[in-house]
Amino acid sequence: MAPGGVATGIKLPADMSESGAVRLGGVRSNMPGMAQAAHLAASITFLASNDSVNINGAILPSDGGWSAV
């Protein structure tokens, strides 16, 4: 599994760099917010269940679409 950012309570800088803001500007409005631990737990539960019996050797992004940017 390839988890993305997760809200953990760790403080991040309030301001994004100028180049980062330009790169992510239009995309950020379409993306979901930061994932909660329960969101990742749902992906992990799926992988541990019988429903994922045919998944083998795959990287499952669990990042709300951020890896597609």
N, C-alpha and C. Protein backbone atom coordinates (compact mmCIF):
# COMPACT_ATOMS: atom_id res chain seq x y z
N MET A 1 0.85 -1.16 0.00
CA MET A 1 0.00 0.00 0.00
C MET A 1 0.89 1.23 0.00
N ALA A 2 0.43 2.28 -0.65
CA ALA A 2 1.17 3.52 -0.73
C ALA A 2 0.31 4.66 -0.18
N PRO A 3 0.32 4.85 1.14
CA PRO A 3 -0.52 5.89 1.71
C PRO A 3 0.01 7.28 1.40
N GLY A 4 -0.90 8.22 1.32
CA GLY A 4 -0.53 9.63 1.13
C GLY A 4 -0.46 10.31 2.48
N GLY A 5 -0.62 11.62 2.48
CA GLY A 5 -0.59 12.39 3.72
C GLY A 5 -1.75 12.03 4.64
N VAL A 6 -1.46 11.97 5.92
CA VAL A 6 -2.48 11.64 6.91
C VAL A 6 -2.44 12.68 8.01
N ALA A 7 -3.61 13.15 8.41
CA ALA A 7 -3.70 14.13 9.50
C ALA A 7 -3.29 13.46 10.80
N THR A 8 -2.17 13.89 11.36
CA THR A 8 -1.66 13.28 12.59
C THR A 8 -1.57 14.28 13.73
N GLY A 9 -1.81 15.55 13.46
CA GLY A 9 -1.66 16.57 14.48
C GLY A 9 -0.28 17.21 14.47
N ILE A 10 0.62 16.72 13.63
CA ILE A 10 1.95 17.32 13.52
C ILE A 10 1.81 18.63 12.76
N LYS A 11 2.35 19.69 13.30
CA LYS A 11 2.24 21.01 12.69
C LYS A 11 3.08 21.11 11.43
N LEU A 12 2.49 21.68 10.38
CA LEU A 12 3.18 21.92 9.13
C LEU A 12 3.29 23.43 8.92
N PRO A 13 4.23 23.87 8.09
CA PRO A 13 4.31 25.30 7.80
C PRO A 13 2.99 25.80 7.19
N ALA A 14 2.58 26.98 7.57
CA ALA A 14 1.31 27.53 7.10
C ALA A 14 1.38 27.91 5.63
N ASP A 15 2.53 28.34 5.16
CA ASP A 15 2.65 28.81 3.78
C ASP A 15 3.38 27.79 2.92
N MET A 16 2.81 27.57 1.74
CA MET A 16 3.45 26.70 0.76
C MET A 16 4.44 27.54 -0.04
N SER A 17 5.49 26.92 -0.53
CA SER A 17 6.44 27.66 -1.37
C SER A 17 5.73 28.17 -2.61
N GLU A 18 6.28 29.20 -3.21
CA GLU A 18 5.66 29.79 -4.40
C GLU A 18 5.60 28.78 -5.54
N SER A 19 6.68 28.02 -5.75
CA SER A 19 6.67 27.04 -6.84
C SER A 19 5.68 25.92 -6.56
N GLY A 20 5.54 25.52 -5.30
CA GLY A 20 4.56 24.50 -4.95
C GLY A 20 3.14 24.98 -5.16
N ALA A 21 2.88 26.23 -4.81
CA ALA A 21 1.54 26.80 -5.00
C ALA A 21 1.18 26.86 -6.48
N VAL A 22 2.15 27.23 -7.33
CA VAL A 22 1.89 27.31 -8.77
C VAL A 22 1.61 25.92 -9.32
N ARG A 23 2.40 24.95 -8.90
CA ARG A 23 2.25 23.59 -9.43
C ARG A 23 0.92 22.95 -9.03
N LEU A 24 0.49 23.20 -7.82
CA LEU A 24 -0.73 22.55 -7.32
C LEU A 24 -1.96 23.44 -7.35
N GLY A 25 -1.80 24.68 -7.78
CA GLY A 25 -2.89 25.66 -7.72
C GLY A 25 -4.25 25.16 -8.16
N GLY A 26 -4.41 24.83 -9.44
CA GLY A 26 -5.71 24.43 -9.96
C GLY A 26 -6.14 23.06 -9.51
N VAL A 27 -5.21 22.20 -9.21
CA VAL A 27 -5.52 20.82 -8.85
C VAL A 27 -6.08 20.73 -7.43
N ARG A 28 -5.59 21.55 -6.54
CA ARG A 28 -5.96 21.44 -5.12
C ARG A 28 -7.46 21.60 -4.90
N SER A 29 -8.14 22.38 -5.72
CA SER A 29 -9.57 22.58 -5.51
C SER A 29 -10.37 21.32 -5.81
N ASN A 30 -9.83 20.41 -6.62
CA ASN A 30 -10.53 19.18 -6.97
C ASN A 30 -10.18 18.00 -6.07
N MET A 31 -9.16 18.16 -5.24
CA MET A 31 -8.69 17.05 -4.43
C MET A 31 -9.36 17.07 -3.06
N PRO A 32 -9.53 15.88 -2.47
CA PRO A 32 -10.07 15.83 -1.11
C PRO A 32 -9.04 16.36 -0.11
N GLY A 33 -9.50 16.64 1.07
CA GLY A 33 -8.60 17.12 2.10
C GLY A 33 -7.67 16.02 2.61
N MET A 34 -6.92 16.34 3.61
CA MET A 34 -5.98 15.39 4.21
C MET A 34 -6.75 14.21 4.79
N ALA A 35 -6.25 13.03 4.56
CA ALA A 35 -6.91 11.80 5.04
C ALA A 35 -6.80 11.70 6.56
N GLN A 36 -7.78 11.08 7.13
CA GLN A 36 -7.77 10.76 8.56
C GLN A 36 -7.28 9.31 8.69
N ALA A 37 -6.84 8.95 9.88
CA ALA A 37 -6.35 7.59 10.11
C ALA A 37 -7.40 6.54 9.75
N ALA A 38 -8.67 6.85 9.96
CA ALA A 38 -9.74 5.90 9.65
C ALA A 38 -9.83 5.62 8.15
N HIS A 39 -9.49 6.61 7.33
CA HIS A 39 -9.51 6.41 5.88
C HIS A 39 -8.46 5.37 5.48
N LEU A 40 -7.28 5.46 6.04
CA LEU A 40 -6.25 4.47 5.74
C LEU A 40 -6.62 3.10 6.32
N ALA A 41 -7.24 3.12 7.48
CA ALA A 41 -7.65 1.85 8.10
C ALA A 41 -8.63 1.10 7.19
N ALA A 42 -9.48 1.83 6.47
CA ALA A 42 -10.42 1.18 5.55
C ALA A 42 -9.66 0.47 4.43
N SER A 43 -8.61 1.10 3.90
CA SER A 43 -7.81 0.45 2.85
C SER A 43 -7.09 -0.78 3.39
N ILE A 44 -6.56 -0.65 4.58
CA ILE A 44 -5.85 -1.77 5.20
C ILE A 44 -6.80 -2.92 5.49
N THR A 45 -8.00 -2.60 5.98
CA THR A 45 -9.00 -3.63 6.26
C THR A 45 -9.38 -4.37 4.98
N PHE A 46 -9.52 -3.60 3.88
CA PHE A 46 -9.83 -4.24 2.60
C PHE A 46 -8.72 -5.21 2.20
N LEU A 47 -7.47 -4.77 2.29
CA LEU A 47 -6.36 -5.65 1.90
C LEU A 47 -6.25 -6.88 2.78
N ALA A 48 -6.66 -6.77 4.02
CA ALA A 48 -6.59 -7.91 4.94
C ALA A 48 -7.80 -8.83 4.82
N SER A 49 -8.81 -8.42 4.05
CA SER A 49 -10.03 -9.20 3.95
C SER A 49 -9.97 -10.18 2.78
N ASN A 50 -10.96 -11.04 2.71
CA ASN A 50 -11.07 -11.98 1.60
C ASN A 50 -11.44 -11.28 0.30
N ASP A 51 -11.95 -10.05 0.37
CA ASP A 51 -12.31 -9.31 -0.84
C ASP A 51 -11.09 -8.99 -1.70
N SER A 52 -9.92 -8.99 -1.12
CA SER A 52 -8.70 -8.67 -1.88
C SER A 52 -7.93 -9.93 -2.28
N VAL A 53 -8.61 -11.07 -2.30
CA VAL A 53 -7.95 -12.34 -2.56
C VAL A 53 -7.20 -12.37 -3.89
N ASN A 54 -7.64 -11.63 -4.89
CA ASN A 54 -7.00 -11.66 -6.21
C ASN A 54 -5.97 -10.55 -6.39
N ILE A 55 -5.74 -9.74 -5.40
CA ILE A 55 -4.75 -8.66 -5.51
C ILE A 55 -3.42 -9.21 -5.03
N ASN A 56 -2.42 -9.12 -5.91
CA ASN A 56 -1.13 -9.71 -5.59
C ASN A 56 -0.04 -8.88 -6.27
N GLY A 57 0.90 -8.38 -5.50
CA GLY A 57 2.04 -7.67 -6.05
C GLY A 57 1.71 -6.29 -6.59
N ALA A 58 0.59 -5.72 -6.23
CA ALA A 58 0.19 -4.40 -6.72
C ALA A 58 0.44 -3.34 -5.65
N ILE A 59 0.74 -2.16 -6.10
CA ILE A 59 0.85 -1.03 -5.19
C ILE A 59 -0.49 -0.31 -5.22
N LEU A 60 -1.15 -0.25 -4.08
CA LEU A 60 -2.46 0.37 -3.98
C LEU A 60 -2.30 1.77 -3.40
N PRO A 61 -2.40 2.80 -4.24
CA PRO A 61 -2.32 4.16 -3.69
C PRO A 61 -3.56 4.44 -2.84
N SER A 62 -3.35 4.95 -1.68
CA SER A 62 -4.45 5.34 -0.80
C SER A 62 -4.17 6.79 -0.39
N ASP A 63 -4.27 7.67 -1.39
CA ASP A 63 -3.87 9.07 -1.18
C ASP A 63 -4.88 10.08 -1.69
N GLY A 64 -6.11 9.64 -1.94
CA GLY A 64 -7.15 10.56 -2.39
C GLY A 64 -6.90 11.13 -3.77
N GLY A 65 -6.04 10.51 -4.55
CA GLY A 65 -5.78 10.98 -5.91
C GLY A 65 -4.55 11.86 -6.05
N TRP A 66 -3.85 12.15 -4.96
CA TRP A 66 -2.70 13.04 -5.01
C TRP A 66 -1.56 12.48 -5.86
N SER A 67 -1.42 11.16 -5.95
CA SER A 67 -0.33 10.60 -6.75
C SER A 67 -0.58 10.79 -8.24
N ALA A 68 -1.77 11.16 -8.62
CA ALA A 68 -2.06 11.41 -10.03
C ALA A 68 -1.66 12.81 -10.47
N VAL A 69 -1.27 13.64 -9.55
CA VAL A 69 -0.90 15.03 -9.88
C VAL A 69 0.41 15.06 -10.60
